[in-house]
Amino acid sequence: MQQYLQFISYINTEIRYTQRVLSEIINSYSDTKSEISGFLSQMRGNLKLEESFAKAWQKAVESLAGAYGLRKPEKELISNFGEELGTTDVRGQISLCEMNQKLIETALEAAKEEREKKSKLYLMLGSLAGISIAIILL
């Protein structure tokens, strides 16, 4: 998700300062080495098939969501972002990027909290299992 946030920041910067076409932004970012290169490759392939940007984005999210371990809410956020990107003027797209970044950051924080809670649970269960085995053996 951190790589996705960097990608959204890149899109935001490119739209704000260069006002390049979305397909050009995708192509230029896909040349960088990143964890989301599979997603970007899928996007480029979909765009070559002359699909609309929103449709290409949706197909890429659907086909690669499992590979990145996305949960349903995160997948919906990313899908909605792709559907709306490119449909408004420059200010609207910049606002959309900023809003999506905040929503993904919130989802990322929630996932980190959930991981911490579950890791503590598993640690306690492991400790209790170890103590139980030690008591049984004595």
C-alpha atoms as a PDB file:
ATOM      1  CA  MET A   1       0.000   0.000   0.000  1.00  0.00           C
ATOM      2  CA  GLN A   2       2.932   2.301   0.618  1.00  0.00           C
ATOM      3  CA  GLN A   3       3.954   1.946  -3.048  1.00  0.00           C
ATOM      4  CA  TYR A   4       0.386   2.725  -4.102  1.00  0.00           C
ATOM      5  CA  LEU A   5       0.470   5.924  -2.026  1.00  0.00           C
ATOM      6  CA  GLN A   6       3.691   6.933  -3.758  1.00  0.00           C
ATOM      7  CA  PHE A   7       2.062   6.229  -7.101  1.00  0.00           C
ATOM      8  CA  ILE A   8      -0.938   8.425  -6.256  1.00  0.00           C
ATOM      9  CA  SER A   9       1.415  11.176  -5.132  1.00  0.00           C
ATOM     10  CA  TYR A  10       3.242  10.865  -8.454  1.00  0.00           C
ATOM     11  CA  ILE A  11      -0.052  11.116 -10.372  1.00  0.00           C
ATOM     12  CA  ASN A  12      -0.998  14.173  -8.303  1.00  0.00           C
ATOM     13  CA  THR A  13       2.321  15.882  -9.035  1.00  0.00           C
ATOM     14  CA  GLU A  14       2.213  15.073 -12.741  1.00  0.00           C
ATOM     15  CA  ILE A  15      -1.345  16.354 -13.124  1.00  0.00           C
ATOM     16  CA  ARG A  16      -0.618  19.469 -11.101  1.00  0.00           C
ATOM     17  CA  TYR A  17       2.595  20.539 -12.811  1.00  0.00           C
ATOM     18  CA  THR A  18       2.724  18.908 -16.253  1.00  0.00           C
ATOM     19  CA  GLN A  19      -0.954  18.189 -16.997  1.00  0.00           C
ATOM     20  CA  ARG A  20       0.091  15.085 -18.937  1.00  0.00           C
ATOM     21  CA  VAL A  21      -2.394  12.516 -20.183  1.00  0.00           C
ATOM     22  CA  LEU A  22      -3.080   9.662 -17.747  1.00  0.00           C
ATOM     23  CA  SER A  23      -1.770   6.976 -20.089  1.00  0.00           C
ATOM     24  CA  GLU A  24       1.543   8.871 -20.351  1.00  0.00           C
ATOM     25  CA  ILE A  25       1.721   9.126 -16.557  1.00  0.00           C
ATOM     26  CA  ILE A  26       1.134   5.366 -16.250  1.00  0.00           C
ATOM     27  CA  ASN A  27       3.804   4.626 -18.861  1.00  0.00           C
ATOM     28  CA  SER A  28       6.387   6.896 -17.244  1.00  0.00           C
ATOM     29  CA  TYR A  29       5.792   5.503 -13.744  1.00  0.00           C
ATOM     30  CA  SER A  30       5.817   1.900 -14.905  1.00  0.00           C
ATOM     31  CA  ASP A  31       9.433   2.360 -15.984  1.00  0.00           C
ATOM     32  CA  THR A  32      10.415   2.728 -12.331  1.00  0.00           C
ATOM     33  CA  LYS A  33      11.066  -0.313 -10.174  1.00  0.00           C
ATOM     34  CA  SER A  34       8.215  -0.601  -7.740  1.00  0.00           C
ATOM     35  CA  GLU A  35       6.074  -3.204  -6.041  1.00  0.00           C
ATOM     36  CA  ILE A  36       3.051  -2.220  -8.102  1.00  0.00           C
ATOM     37  CA  SER A  37       4.770  -2.847 -11.440  1.00  0.00           C
ATOM     38  CA  GLY A  38       2.457  -5.839 -12.044  1.00  0.00           C
ATOM     39  CA  PHE A  39      -0.560  -3.589 -11.691  1.00  0.00           C
ATOM     40  CA  LEU A  40       0.974  -1.001 -14.013  1.00  0.00           C
ATOM     41  CA  SER A  41       1.889  -3.624 -16.604  1.00  0.00           C
ATOM     42  CA  GLN A  42      -1.681  -4.864 -16.550  1.00  0.00           C
ATOM     43  CA  MET A  43      -2.897  -1.273 -16.971  1.00  0.00           C
ATOM     44  CA  ARG A  44      -0.624  -0.687 -19.950  1.00  0.00           C
ATOM     45  CA  GLY A  45      -1.821  -3.903 -21.571  1.00  0.00           C
ATOM     46  CA  ASN A  46      -5.450  -2.979 -21.016  1.00  0.00           C
ATOM     47  CA  LEU A  47      -4.908   0.508 -22.438  1.00  0.00           C
ATOM     48  CA  LYS A  48      -3.264  -0.983 -25.545  1.00  0.00           C
ATOM     49  CA  LEU A  49      -6.469  -2.922 -26.137  1.00  0.00           C
ATOM     50  CA  GLU A  50      -8.078   0.500 -26.633  1.00  0.00           C
ATOM     51  CA  GLU A  51     -10.198   0.305 -23.522  1.00  0.00           C
ATOM     52  CA  SER A  52     -11.226   3.389 -21.616  1.00  0.00           C
ATOM     53  CA  PHE A  53      -8.992   4.367 -18.740  1.00  0.00           C
ATOM     54  CA  ALA A  54     -11.668   3.528 -16.150  1.00  0.00           C
ATOM     55  CA  LYS A  55     -12.309   0.094 -17.654  1.00  0.00           C
ATOM     56  CA  ALA A  56      -8.579  -0.663 -17.926  1.00  0.00           C
ATOM     57  CA  TRP A  57      -8.085   0.374 -14.290  1.00  0.00           C
ATOM     58  CA  GLN A  58     -11.008  -1.756 -13.113  1.00  0.00           C
ATOM     59  CA  LYS A  59      -9.735  -4.850 -14.924  1.00  0.00           C
ATOM     60  CA  ALA A  60      -6.235  -4.374 -13.523  1.00  0.00           C
ATOM     61  CA  VAL A  61      -7.593  -4.044  -9.977  1.00  0.00           C
ATOM     62  CA  GLU A  62      -9.771  -7.147 -10.401  1.00  0.00           C
ATOM     63  CA  SER A  63      -7.001  -9.294 -11.815  1.00  0.00           C
ATOM     64  CA  LEU A  64      -4.289  -8.300  -9.353  1.00  0.00           C
ATOM     65  CA  ALA A  65      -6.128  -7.594  -6.102  1.00  0.00           C
ATOM     66  CA  GLY A  66      -5.363 -11.059  -4.728  1.00  0.00           C
ATOM     67  CA  ALA A  67      -1.664 -10.773  -5.542  1.00  0.00           C
ATOM     68  CA  TYR A  68      -1.355  -7.690  -3.361  1.00  0.00           C
ATOM     69  CA  GLY A  69      -3.488  -8.999  -0.492  1.00  0.00           C
ATOM     70  CA  LEU A  70      -6.122  -6.305  -0.790  1.00  0.00           C
ATOM     71  CA  ARG A  71      -9.220  -6.556   1.333  1.00  0.00           C
ATOM     72  CA  LYS A  72     -12.607  -5.615  -0.100  1.00  0.00           C
ATOM     73  CA  PRO A  73     -12.706  -2.012   1.290  1.00  0.00           C
ATOM     74  CA  GLU A  74      -9.217  -1.258  -0.043  1.00  0.00           C
ATOM     75  CA  LYS A  75     -10.068  -2.792  -3.405  1.00  0.00           C
ATOM     76  CA  GLU A  76     -13.211  -0.641  -3.611  1.00  0.00           C
ATOM     77  CA  LEU A  77     -11.250   2.524  -2.777  1.00  0.00           C
ATOM     78  CA  ILE A  78      -8.731   1.806  -5.515  1.00  0.00           C
ATOM     79  CA  SER A  79     -11.450   0.866  -8.026  1.00  0.00           C
ATOM     80  CA  ASN A  80     -13.466   4.005  -7.308  1.00  0.00           C
ATOM     81  CA  PHE A  81     -10.375   6.149  -7.683  1.00  0.00           C
ATOM     82  CA  GLY A  82      -9.693   4.734 -11.150  1.00  0.00           C
ATOM     83  CA  GLU A  83     -13.289   5.221 -12.233  1.00  0.00           C
ATOM     84  CA  GLU A  84     -13.253   8.909 -11.303  1.00  0.00           C
ATOM     85  CA  LEU A  85      -9.706   9.757 -12.372  1.00  0.00           C
ATOM     86  CA  GLY A  86      -9.648  11.695 -15.607  1.00  0.00           C
ATOM     87  CA  THR A  87     -13.316  12.651 -15.536  1.00  0.00           C
ATOM     88  CA  THR A  88     -12.896  16.160 -14.127  1.00  0.00           C
ATOM     89  CA  ASP A  89     -10.717  19.198 -14.632  1.00  0.00           C
ATOM     90  CA  VAL A  90      -7.208  19.511 -13.201  1.00  0.00           C
ATOM     91  CA  ARG A  91      -8.371  20.834  -9.808  1.00  0.00           C
ATOM     92  CA  GLY A  92     -10.891  18.016  -9.486  1.00  0.00           C
ATOM     93  CA  GLN A  93      -8.265  15.400 -10.266  1.00  0.00           C
ATOM     94  CA  ILE A  94      -5.835  16.894  -7.768  1.00  0.00           C
ATOM     95  CA  SER A  95      -8.554  16.890  -5.099  1.00  0.00           C
ATOM     96  CA  LEU A  96      -9.424  13.307  -6.006  1.00  0.00           C
ATOM     97  CA  CYS A  97      -5.787  12.241  -5.594  1.00  0.00           C
ATOM     98  CA  GLU A  98      -5.515  13.963  -2.222  1.00  0.00           C
ATOM     99  CA  MET A  99      -8.784  12.461  -0.994  1.00  0.00           C
ATOM    100  CA  ASN A 100      -7.758   8.974  -2.142  1.00  0.00           C
ATOM    101  CA  GLN A 101      -4.402   9.319  -0.387  1.00  0.00           C
ATOM    102  CA  LYS A 102      -6.112  10.213   2.883  1.00  0.00           C
ATOM    103  CA  LEU A 103      -8.599   7.348   2.593  1.00  0.00           C
ATOM    104  CA  ILE A 104      -5.853   4.829   1.821  1.00  0.00           C
ATOM    105  CA  GLU A 105      -3.721   6.162   4.693  1.00  0.00           C
ATOM    106  CA  THR A 106      -6.702   5.665   7.016  1.00  0.00           C
ATOM    107  CA  ALA A 107      -7.182   2.108   5.738  1.00  0.00           C
ATOM    108  CA  LEU A 108      -3.457   1.453   6.146  1.00  0.00           C
ATOM    109  CA  GLU A 109      -3.532   2.657   9.752  1.00  0.00           C
ATOM    110  CA  ALA A 110      -6.529   0.427  10.479  1.00  0.00           C
ATOM    111  CA  ALA A 111      -4.706  -2.555   8.969  1.00  0.00           C
ATOM    112  CA  LYS A 112      -1.617  -1.826  11.095  1.00  0.00           C
ATOM    113  CA  GLU A 113      -3.728  -1.656  14.254  1.00  0.00           C
ATOM    114  CA  GLU A 114      -5.440  -4.927  13.352  1.00  0.00           C
ATOM    115  CA  ARG A 115      -2.072  -6.581  12.735  1.00  0.00           C
ATOM    116  CA  GLU A 116      -0.775  -5.405  16.112  1.00  0.00           C
ATOM    117  CA  LYS A 117      -3.848  -6.738  17.916  1.00  0.00           C
ATOM    118  CA  LYS A 118      -3.659 -10.085  16.168  1.00  0.00           C
ATOM    119  CA  SER A 119       0.074 -10.425  16.698  1.00  0.00           C
ATOM    120  CA  LYS A 120      -0.398  -9.886  20.432  1.00  0.00           C
ATOM    121  CA  LEU A 121      -3.169 -12.482  20.438  1.00  0.00           C
ATOM    122  CA  TYR A 122      -0.998 -15.067  18.687  1.00  0.00           C
ATOM    123  CA  LEU A 123       1.899 -14.329  21.013  1.00  0.00           C
ATOM    124  CA  MET A 124      -0.312 -14.872  24.055  1.00  0.00           C
ATOM    125  CA  LEU A 125      -1.788 -18.068  22.596  1.00  0.00           C
ATOM    126  CA  GLY A 126       1.689 -19.406  21.879  1.00  0.00           C
ATOM    127  CA  SER A 127       2.845 -18.590  25.392  1.00  0.00           C
ATOM    128  CA  LEU A 128      -0.206 -20.207  26.966  1.00  0.00           C
ATOM    129  CA  ALA A 129       0.214 -23.308  24.803  1.00  0.00           C
ATOM    130  CA  GLY A 130       3.864 -23.555  25.857  1.00  0.00           C
ATOM    131  CA  ILE A 131       2.992 -23.178  29.531  1.00  0.00           C
ATOM    132  CA  SER A 132       0.191 -25.756  29.183  1.00  0.00           C
ATOM    133  CA  ILE A 133       2.544 -28.287  27.610  1.00  0.00           C
ATOM    134  CA  ALA A 134       5.141 -27.659  30.314  1.00  0.00           C
ATOM    135  CA  ILE A 135       2.541 -28.226  33.048  1.00  0.00           C
ATOM    136  CA  ILE A 136       1.321 -31.447  31.403  1.00  0.00           C
ATOM    137  CA  LEU A 137       4.868 -32.775  31.089  1.00  0.00           C
ATOM    138  CA  LEU A 138       5.605 -32.123  34.763  1.00  0.00           C
END
